[in-house]
Amino acid sequence: MKHHQRYFPVFRGGELTHRFVVISNNPWGDAERIAAGNARVLRARFDDAKFFLAEDHKLTLEAHGEGQLEKMQWIRGLSTMAAKQQRVASLAAALAPITGADAVEAARAGTLSKCDLVTHMVGEFPELQGHMGRLYAARGGESEAVSVAIEEAYLPRYADDEVAGSPAGRALAIADRLDTLVGCFGIGMKPKGGDPQGLRRAALGVVRTLVGAGLRVDLHHLLGLAVDNFHGASLEGSFYDKWTKARGTGPAASDRDALIDDLSAFVVARWRANAVAGGVTGDLVDAVLAATGPDPVLLQHKLDALADLPGNPEFGTIMETFKRTLNITRDADDGPPPRDALVDDAELALFDALETAEAAVASHVEALDYAAALEVMLTLRAPVARLFDDVMVNSDDPAERTRRLGLLNRVSGCFLALADFARISTR
């Protein structure tokens, strides 16, 4: 009604009624005749839909896919949709411990995830893929977890769309996108200008699903599961052999780590681009990346904590002190001095401040409360500034230089638990 005929459906109390509204460009025509004509056209549309639905109901969702998906090419050089569905099912089961899903349910949802692509309804209305799969799965007696996961595998569909909300749905959504990324990178289809396979969107979908659900995972581990799953499912020789042959040059056929590194960098780059598009300056993002491994949840928590720092009225002074500390300790490896080795009041004041701050920072970091950790770090600015003002850090006396650099190394360790502040611009 809405897509094909451009008619407006009418709802009452949230329920669809049998009424609809059309816009006519003939103000002098017979209104009743125009209404009847449009109703006749719409009735034919609904009759077609009713026929498609009735035909689809003759088979279970699984039966729809049997034999048909093997005839459907996924991507040239990357086998059929049936093979992809099989890989996604096994990968979803492997990801179940990460998302908190039941492995059997995740695998079952994956086994059915592409079957609705060959139904009459999805053939006529491609935008219903996943949704029809959910309805047909439920009608065929599948559990609610499996049915919901089939639809949620397509989430998020665009930048601001919701992400999968169920554990099995998250496993399937991540598995489907990772399989696409591994396969396309494996045959040299890394996007440069255009992105016909939607790989950037797939990478961002993985990030948004992980962050939205608060799923802590190292991307290298996650991608390693996907690469091994793809390799293990290949029935036509080594996946790595295909990858090397497609690239022409590059890592050796057995260089699994190089492929994982390439994919991880691509996914992190999408996180960075999305953060900058959301209004965060690139220097803040890079400061977080420089001090953090490829864990999207950790990256996002840290960036959220830093986002308001430039608005602090003492931002310039804070950054001057922090940068000076990081720069002076960049190549220093002096260990922390004991309190009884300290002489100057400025040294003792910084030592005592660190004793309090380090424990608090560690506690907040453990809880992923980086905003609170930053507040504690800011309390170190005054004693650090006092040290720089009262004594010569790079003293000609080796003992003095060693203990002062050792203190500042402890300060740098606190800072780097959040970000590399030396990378943040004060302009």
Protein backbone atom coordinates (compact mmCIF):
# COMPACT_ATOMS: atom_id res chain seq x y z
CA MET A 1 0.00 0.00 0.00
CA LYS A 2 2.69 2.49 1.00
CA HIS A 3 5.57 1.44 -1.22
CA HIS A 4 3.89 0.40 -4.46
CA GLN A 5 0.74 2.53 -4.49
CA ARG A 6 1.81 5.51 -2.36
CA TYR A 7 -1.40 5.25 -0.34
CA PHE A 8 -1.69 6.28 3.29
CA PRO A 9 -2.92 3.56 5.67
CA VAL A 10 -5.26 4.60 8.48
CA PHE A 11 -4.73 3.42 12.06
CA ARG A 12 -7.13 3.66 14.98
CA GLY A 13 -5.88 3.04 18.50
CA GLY A 14 -2.64 1.71 17.03
CA GLU A 15 -4.46 -0.91 14.94
CA LEU A 16 -4.54 -0.96 11.13
CA THR A 17 -8.06 -0.38 9.77
CA HIS A 18 -9.56 -1.18 6.35
CA ARG A 19 -9.51 2.53 5.47
CA PHE A 20 -6.86 4.31 3.43
CA VAL A 21 -6.22 7.76 1.97
CA VAL A 22 -5.16 8.59 -1.57
CA ILE A 23 -4.24 11.91 -3.16
CA SER A 24 -5.88 12.67 -6.49
CA ASN A 25 -4.73 15.36 -8.89
CA ASN A 26 -8.22 15.56 -10.43
CA PRO A 27 -10.29 17.93 -8.24
CA TRP A 28 -13.19 17.81 -10.70
CA GLY A 29 -13.47 14.03 -10.92
CA ASP A 30 -16.09 11.81 -9.32
CA ALA A 31 -14.70 11.19 -5.82
CA GLU A 32 -16.58 7.93 -5.33
CA ARG A 33 -15.41 6.59 -8.67
CA ILE A 34 -11.79 7.58 -7.94
CA ALA A 35 -11.99 5.92 -4.52
CA ALA A 36 -13.49 2.74 -5.98
CA GLY A 37 -10.81 2.58 -8.68
CA ASN A 38 -8.03 2.91 -6.17
CA ALA A 39 -9.63 0.32 -3.91
CA ARG A 40 -9.83 -2.09 -6.86
CA VAL A 41 -6.10 -1.65 -7.60
CA LEU A 42 -5.18 -2.07 -3.95
CA ARG A 43 -7.37 -5.16 -3.62
CA ALA A 44 -5.43 -6.75 -6.46
CA ARG A 45 -2.17 -5.96 -4.70
CA PHE A 46 -3.40 -7.55 -1.51
CA ASP A 47 -4.68 -10.57 -3.38
CA ASP A 48 -1.16 -11.04 -4.80
CA ALA A 49 0.34 -10.74 -1.33
CA LYS A 50 -2.19 -13.22 0.05
CA PHE A 51 -1.24 -15.65 -2.73
CA PHE A 52 2.49 -15.24 -2.02
CA LEU A 53 1.90 -15.85 1.67
CA ALA A 54 -0.24 -18.92 1.02
CA GLU A 55 2.40 -20.37 -1.31
CA ASP A 56 5.15 -19.74 1.23
CA HIS A 57 3.12 -21.44 3.95
CA LYS A 58 3.16 -24.69 2.00
CA LEU A 59 6.77 -25.24 3.07
CA THR A 60 8.68 -24.77 6.31
CA LEU A 61 11.33 -22.09 6.37
CA GLU A 62 14.07 -24.70 6.28
CA ALA A 63 12.46 -26.47 3.33
CA HIS A 64 12.44 -23.20 1.37
CA GLY A 65 16.21 -23.02 1.60
CA GLU A 66 16.97 -26.65 0.84
CA GLY A 67 18.41 -26.92 -2.64
CA GLN A 68 17.49 -23.34 -3.55
CA LEU A 69 20.25 -21.53 -1.66
CA GLU A 70 22.84 -23.73 -3.36
CA LYS A 71 21.74 -22.18 -6.67
CA MET A 72 22.11 -18.65 -5.34
CA GLN A 73 25.57 -17.11 -5.80
CA TRP A 74 26.66 -14.99 -2.86
CA ILE A 75 29.69 -13.12 -4.22
CA ARG A 76 31.66 -14.20 -7.26
CA GLY A 77 34.59 -16.22 -6.00
CA LEU A 78 33.03 -16.81 -2.58
CA SER A 79 30.71 -19.77 -3.16
CA THR A 80 26.96 -19.91 -2.67
CA MET A 81 24.47 -18.49 -0.21
CA ALA A 82 24.05 -22.01 1.19
CA ALA A 83 27.77 -22.13 2.04
CA LYS A 84 27.61 -18.69 3.63
CA GLN A 85 24.62 -19.72 5.72
CA GLN A 86 26.52 -22.79 6.93
CA ARG A 87 29.57 -20.72 7.87
CA VAL A 88 27.48 -18.10 9.65
CA ALA A 89 25.75 -20.81 11.68
CA SER A 90 29.02 -22.32 12.89
CA LEU A 91 30.54 -18.90 13.62
CA ALA A 92 27.43 -17.77 15.52
CA ALA A 93 27.78 -20.85 17.74
CA ALA A 94 31.44 -20.00 18.35
CA LEU A 95 30.48 -16.43 19.27
CA ALA A 96 27.71 -17.54 21.65
CA PRO A 97 29.94 -17.45 24.78
CA ILE A 98 30.87 -13.85 23.96
CA THR A 99 27.29 -12.63 23.51
CA GLY A 100 25.79 -14.80 26.24
CA ALA A 101 23.71 -16.80 23.78
CA ASP A 102 22.89 -20.49 23.79
CA ALA A 103 25.21 -22.03 21.18
CA VAL A 104 22.55 -24.43 19.90
CA GLU A 105 20.02 -21.61 19.42
CA ALA A 106 22.61 -19.38 17.74
CA ALA A 107 23.60 -22.17 15.36
CA ARG A 108 19.97 -23.02 14.59
CA ALA A 109 19.17 -19.39 13.83
CA GLY A 110 22.22 -19.25 11.57
CA THR A 111 21.11 -22.41 9.76
CA LEU A 112 17.81 -20.71 8.88
CA SER A 113 19.06 -17.15 8.47
CA LYS A 114 19.09 -17.01 4.66
CA CYS A 115 16.21 -19.36 3.89
CA ASP A 116 13.61 -16.60 3.50
CA LEU A 117 15.61 -15.10 0.61
CA VAL A 118 14.03 -17.67 -1.73
CA THR A 119 10.44 -17.18 -0.53
CA HIS A 120 7.77 -15.50 -2.62
CA MET A 121 7.24 -12.70 -0.13
CA VAL A 122 10.90 -11.67 0.04
CA GLY A 123 11.19 -12.07 -3.71
CA GLU A 124 8.42 -9.49 -4.09
CA PHE A 125 9.41 -7.35 -1.12
CA PRO A 126 13.21 -7.64 -0.52
CA GLU A 127 13.00 -5.18 2.38
CA LEU A 128 11.15 -7.91 4.35
CA GLN A 129 14.19 -10.22 4.47
CA GLY A 130 14.75 -11.31 8.02
CA HIS A 131 11.27 -10.22 9.08
CA MET A 132 9.59 -12.93 7.01
CA GLY A 133 12.22 -15.38 8.23
CA ARG A 134 11.20 -14.58 11.79
CA LEU A 135 7.48 -15.05 11.06
CA TYR A 136 7.96 -18.29 9.12
CA ALA A 137 10.35 -19.70 11.74
CA ALA A 138 7.86 -19.02 14.53
CA ARG A 139 5.04 -20.54 12.45
CA GLY A 140 7.20 -23.64 11.93
CA GLY A 141 7.64 -24.18 15.64
CA GLU A 142 11.08 -22.64 16.17
CA SER A 143 11.76 -21.08 19.57
CA GLU A 144 11.30 -17.36 20.12
CA ALA A 145 15.06 -16.92 20.56
CA VAL A 146 15.75 -18.50 17.18
CA SER A 147 12.96 -16.63 15.42
CA VAL A 148 13.96 -13.24 16.81
CA ALA A 149 17.64 -13.83 16.01
CA ILE A 150 16.83 -14.43 12.33
CA GLU A 151 15.38 -10.93 12.05
CA GLU A 152 17.95 -9.27 14.31
CA ALA A 153 20.78 -10.59 12.13
CA TYR A 154 20.09 -7.64 9.81
CA LEU A 155 20.45 -5.04 12.59
CA PRO A 156 21.72 -2.38 12.40
CA ARG A 157 20.62 -1.75 8.81
CA TYR A 158 21.91 1.84 8.68
CA ALA A 159 23.94 4.26 10.78
CA ASP A 160 21.33 5.23 13.38
CA ASP A 161 19.36 2.01 13.39
CA GLU A 162 18.85 -0.08 16.54
CA VAL A 163 21.18 -3.00 17.17
CA ALA A 164 20.30 -6.61 17.92
CA GLY A 165 18.83 -6.91 21.39
CA SER A 166 18.91 -10.65 22.07
CA PRO A 167 22.06 -12.70 22.78
CA ALA A 168 21.46 -15.04 19.83
CA GLY A 169 20.60 -12.08 17.60
CA ARG A 170 23.87 -10.38 18.50
CA ALA A 171 25.85 -13.54 17.80
CA LEU A 172 24.19 -13.90 14.41
CA ALA A 173 24.49 -10.21 13.48
CA ILE A 174 28.21 -10.19 14.29
CA ALA A 175 28.84 -13.56 12.62
CA ASP A 176 27.15 -12.56 9.36
CA ARG A 177 29.17 -9.33 9.10
CA LEU A 178 32.47 -10.91 10.08
CA ASP A 179 32.00 -13.64 7.50
CA THR A 180 31.41 -11.02 4.83
CA LEU A 181 34.49 -9.03 5.86
CA VAL A 182 36.76 -12.07 5.97
CA GLY A 183 35.53 -13.40 2.65
CA CYS A 184 35.81 -10.11 0.77
CA PHE A 185 39.21 -9.20 2.21
CA GLY A 186 40.29 -12.74 1.44
CA ILE A 187 39.80 -12.26 -2.29
CA GLY A 188 41.18 -8.73 -2.38
CA MET A 189 37.89 -6.82 -2.26
CA LYS A 190 38.97 -4.28 0.34
CA PRO A 191 37.05 -1.06 -0.42
CA LYS A 192 39.01 1.88 -1.76
CA GLY A 193 36.59 4.36 -3.27
CA GLY A 194 33.23 2.71 -3.66
CA ASP A 195 31.99 -0.05 -1.41
CA PRO A 196 29.51 -2.22 -3.34
CA GLN A 197 29.57 -4.99 -0.75
CA GLY A 198 28.89 -2.61 2.14
CA LEU A 199 32.05 -3.59 4.02
CA ARG A 200 32.33 -0.27 5.84
CA ARG A 201 28.73 -0.64 6.98
CA ALA A 202 29.43 -4.24 8.03
CA ALA A 203 32.45 -3.22 10.11
CA LEU A 204 30.51 -0.42 11.80
CA GLY A 205 27.66 -2.86 12.46
CA VAL A 206 30.06 -5.14 14.35
CA VAL A 207 31.35 -2.20 16.40
CA ARG A 208 27.89 -0.84 17.19
CA THR A 209 26.63 -4.27 18.23
CA LEU A 210 29.59 -4.82 20.56
CA VAL A 211 29.40 -1.34 22.06
CA GLY A 212 25.61 -1.33 22.33
CA ALA A 213 25.64 -4.57 24.32
CA GLY A 214 28.81 -3.76 26.26
CA LEU A 215 30.56 -6.89 24.95
CA ARG A 216 34.25 -6.76 25.86
CA VAL A 217 36.37 -8.57 23.26
CA ASP A 218 39.68 -8.05 21.51
CA LEU A 219 39.06 -7.66 17.79
CA HIS A 220 42.08 -9.84 16.98
CA HIS A 221 40.46 -12.71 18.87
CA LEU A 222 37.07 -12.09 17.29
CA LEU A 223 38.48 -11.89 13.77
CA GLY A 224 40.67 -14.91 14.41
CA LEU A 225 37.53 -16.94 15.09
CA ALA A 226 36.00 -15.68 11.84
CA VAL A 227 39.10 -16.34 9.73
CA ASP A 228 39.52 -19.86 11.11
CA ASN A 229 35.82 -20.55 10.64
CA PHE A 230 35.97 -19.42 7.00
CA HIS A 231 39.13 -21.40 6.37
CA GLY A 232 37.72 -24.52 7.99
CA ALA A 233 34.53 -24.31 5.94
CA SER A 234 36.33 -23.96 2.60
CA LEU A 235 35.72 -27.02 0.45
CA GLU A 236 37.84 -25.98 -2.50
CA GLY A 237 41.38 -25.81 -1.20
CA SER A 238 43.04 -23.48 1.24
CA PHE A 239 41.35 -20.15 1.88
CA TYR A 240 44.78 -18.63 2.39
CA ASP A 241 45.87 -19.90 -1.01
CA LYS A 242 42.87 -18.16 -2.58
CA TRP A 243 43.65 -15.00 -0.61
CA THR A 244 47.29 -14.87 -1.75
CA LYS A 245 46.39 -15.65 -5.35
CA ALA A 246 43.74 -12.91 -5.39
CA ARG A 247 46.12 -10.32 -3.95
CA GLY A 248 48.92 -11.21 -6.34
CA THR A 249 51.45 -9.89 -3.86
CA GLY A 250 51.57 -9.60 -0.12
CA PRO A 251 51.75 -12.00 2.81
CA ALA A 252 52.49 -15.66 2.39
CA ALA A 253 49.61 -18.12 2.11
CA SER A 254 49.99 -19.17 5.73
CA ASP A 255 50.13 -15.63 7.09
CA ARG A 256 46.91 -15.73 9.07
CA ASP A 257 47.99 -12.94 11.37
CA ALA A 258 48.50 -10.49 8.50
CA LEU A 259 44.89 -10.94 7.38
CA ILE A 260 43.62 -10.52 10.93
CA ASP A 261 45.72 -7.36 11.42
CA ASP A 262 44.40 -5.95 8.14
CA LEU A 263 40.80 -6.62 9.14
CA SER A 264 41.28 -5.30 12.68
CA ALA A 265 42.76 -2.04 11.37
CA PHE A 266 39.80 -1.68 9.02
CA VAL A 267 37.22 -2.18 11.78
CA VAL A 268 39.01 0.23 14.14
CA ALA A 269 39.17 2.78 11.32
CA ARG A 270 35.40 2.58 11.01
CA TRP A 271 35.06 3.19 14.76
CA ARG A 272 37.31 6.22 14.41
CA ALA A 273 35.42 7.60 11.40
CA ASN A 274 32.09 7.16 13.18
CA ALA A 275 33.39 8.91 16.31
CA VAL A 276 34.67 11.88 14.30
CA ALA A 277 31.42 12.03 12.33
CA GLY A 278 29.64 12.22 15.69
CA GLY A 279 31.46 15.43 16.56
CA VAL A 280 34.52 14.28 18.52
CA THR A 281 37.78 15.80 17.33
CA GLY A 282 40.31 13.50 15.71
CA ASP A 283 43.07 14.26 18.21
CA LEU A 284 40.96 12.96 21.11
CA VAL A 285 40.18 9.79 19.17
CA ASP A 286 43.84 9.27 18.28
CA ALA A 287 44.88 9.86 21.90
CA VAL A 288 42.59 7.02 22.99
CA LEU A 289 43.70 4.72 20.17
CA ALA A 290 47.38 5.26 21.04
CA ALA A 291 46.85 3.91 24.55
CA THR A 292 44.21 1.23 23.96
CA GLY A 293 44.02 -2.17 22.30
CA PRO A 294 41.38 -3.00 19.65
CA ASP A 295 38.46 -3.41 22.06
CA PRO A 296 35.53 -1.26 20.82
CA VAL A 297 33.80 -1.12 24.22
CA LEU A 298 36.98 0.04 25.94
CA LEU A 299 37.67 2.55 23.18
CA GLN A 300 34.19 4.02 23.43
CA HIS A 301 34.21 4.28 27.23
CA LYS A 302 37.53 6.11 27.18
CA LEU A 303 36.45 8.46 24.41
CA ASP A 304 33.22 9.30 26.22
CA ALA A 305 35.23 10.22 29.31
CA LEU A 306 37.55 12.48 27.33
CA ALA A 307 34.89 14.16 25.21
CA ASP A 308 34.16 16.95 27.72
CA LEU A 309 37.78 17.63 28.70
CA PRO A 310 38.34 20.44 26.16
CA GLY A 311 35.45 22.30 27.81
CA ASN A 312 37.26 22.40 31.15
CA PRO A 313 38.21 26.04 31.90
CA GLU A 314 41.71 24.88 32.91
CA PHE A 315 42.12 22.69 29.82
CA GLY A 316 45.22 24.53 28.54
CA THR A 317 47.02 24.37 31.88
CA ILE A 318 46.05 20.73 32.40
CA MET A 319 47.32 19.68 29.00
CA GLU A 320 50.56 21.62 29.35
CA THR A 321 51.37 19.72 32.55
CA PHE A 322 50.26 16.32 31.23
CA LYS A 323 52.11 16.68 27.92
CA ARG A 324 55.29 17.82 29.64
CA THR A 325 55.14 14.77 31.90
CA LEU A 326 54.60 12.32 29.03
CA ASN A 327 57.27 13.89 26.86
CA ILE A 328 59.94 13.91 29.58
CA THR A 329 59.29 10.27 30.44
CA ARG A 330 58.88 9.02 26.85
CA ASP A 331 62.26 7.25 26.83
CA ALA A 332 62.79 7.02 30.58
CA ASP A 333 62.70 3.64 32.29
CA ASP A 334 63.44 4.73 35.85
CA GLY A 335 61.57 2.73 38.44
CA PRO A 336 59.45 4.29 41.21
CA PRO A 337 61.51 5.43 44.19
CA PRO A 338 60.57 4.48 47.78
CA ARG A 339 59.28 7.31 49.96
CA ASP A 340 62.28 7.26 52.27
CA ALA A 341 64.55 8.02 49.30
CA LEU A 342 62.78 11.32 48.62
CA VAL A 343 64.24 14.57 49.90
CA ASP A 344 62.42 17.62 48.53
CA ASP A 345 58.94 18.62 49.70
CA ALA A 346 57.72 18.66 46.07
CA GLU A 347 58.85 15.06 45.63
CA LEU A 348 57.12 13.98 48.83
CA ALA A 349 53.89 15.80 47.90
CA LEU A 350 53.76 14.10 44.50
CA PHE A 351 54.52 10.70 46.04
CA ASP A 352 51.67 11.04 48.54
CA ALA A 353 49.26 12.23 45.83
CA LEU A 354 50.19 9.23 43.69
CA GLU A 355 49.60 6.80 46.54
CA THR A 356 46.00 7.99 46.73
CA ALA A 357 45.43 8.49 43.00
CA GLU A 358 46.82 5.21 41.66
CA ALA A 359 44.52 3.03 43.75
CA ALA A 360 41.48 5.11 42.84
CA VAL A 361 42.37 5.17 39.13
CA ALA A 362 42.88 1.40 39.11
CA SER A 363 39.50 0.87 40.79
CA HIS A 364 37.67 3.13 38.34
CA VAL A 365 39.44 1.58 35.34
CA GLU A 366 38.42 -1.89 36.52
CA ALA A 367 34.80 -0.68 36.56
CA LEU A 368 35.22 1.01 33.16
CA ASP A 369 34.35 4.32 34.84
CA TYR A 370 36.89 6.39 32.96
CA ALA A 371 35.12 9.66 33.71
CA ALA A 372 35.77 9.08 37.42
CA ALA A 373 39.33 7.95 36.64
CA LEU A 374 39.93 11.19 34.76
CA GLU A 375 38.68 13.23 37.71
CA VAL A 376 41.26 11.51 39.91
CA MET A 377 44.01 12.07 37.34
CA LEU A 378 43.26 15.78 37.32
CA THR A 379 44.14 15.93 41.03
CA LEU A 380 47.74 15.13 40.05
CA ARG A 381 48.15 18.30 38.00
CA ALA A 382 48.98 20.55 40.95
CA PRO A 383 51.65 18.33 42.59
CA VAL A 384 53.21 17.61 39.18
CA ALA A 385 53.30 21.31 38.35
CA ARG A 386 54.87 21.99 41.75
CA LEU A 387 57.60 19.43 41.04
CA PHE A 388 58.44 21.13 37.75
CA ASP A 389 58.46 24.56 39.45
CA ASP A 390 60.44 23.66 42.57
CA VAL A 391 63.14 21.30 41.32
CA MET A 392 65.12 20.44 38.19
CA VAL A 393 63.82 17.07 37.02
CA ASN A 394 66.76 16.39 34.71
CA SER A 395 69.23 17.21 37.45
CA ASP A 396 72.97 16.80 36.95
CA ASP A 397 72.88 14.62 40.06
CA PRO A 398 72.06 11.07 38.81
CA ALA A 399 70.30 10.12 42.05
CA GLU A 400 68.02 13.16 41.93
CA ARG A 401 67.25 12.65 38.24
CA THR A 402 66.47 8.96 38.76
CA ARG A 403 64.01 9.44 41.62
CA ARG A 404 62.23 12.38 39.95
CA LEU A 405 61.87 10.59 36.63
CA GLY A 406 60.68 7.55 38.56
CA LEU A 407 57.91 9.62 40.14
CA LEU A 408 56.90 11.07 36.78
CA ASN A 409 56.87 7.59 35.25
CA ARG A 410 54.22 6.66 37.83
CA VAL A 411 52.22 9.72 36.76
CA SER A 412 52.55 8.75 33.09
CA GLY A 413 51.28 5.27 33.93
CA CYS A 414 48.12 6.81 35.39
CA PHE A 415 47.59 8.97 32.30
CA LEU A 416 48.17 6.15 29.83
CA ALA A 417 45.49 4.05 31.52
CA LEU A 418 43.12 6.43 29.73
CA ALA A 419 44.88 8.01 26.75
CA ASP A 420 48.09 9.43 25.36
CA PHE A 421 47.48 13.04 26.38
CA ALA A 422 50.53 14.18 24.40
CA ARG A 423 48.46 13.67 21.24
CA ILE A 424 45.66 16.04 22.30
CA SER A 425 45.81 19.48 20.71
CA THR A 426 45.31 22.59 22.83
CA ARG A 427 44.41 24.74 19.83
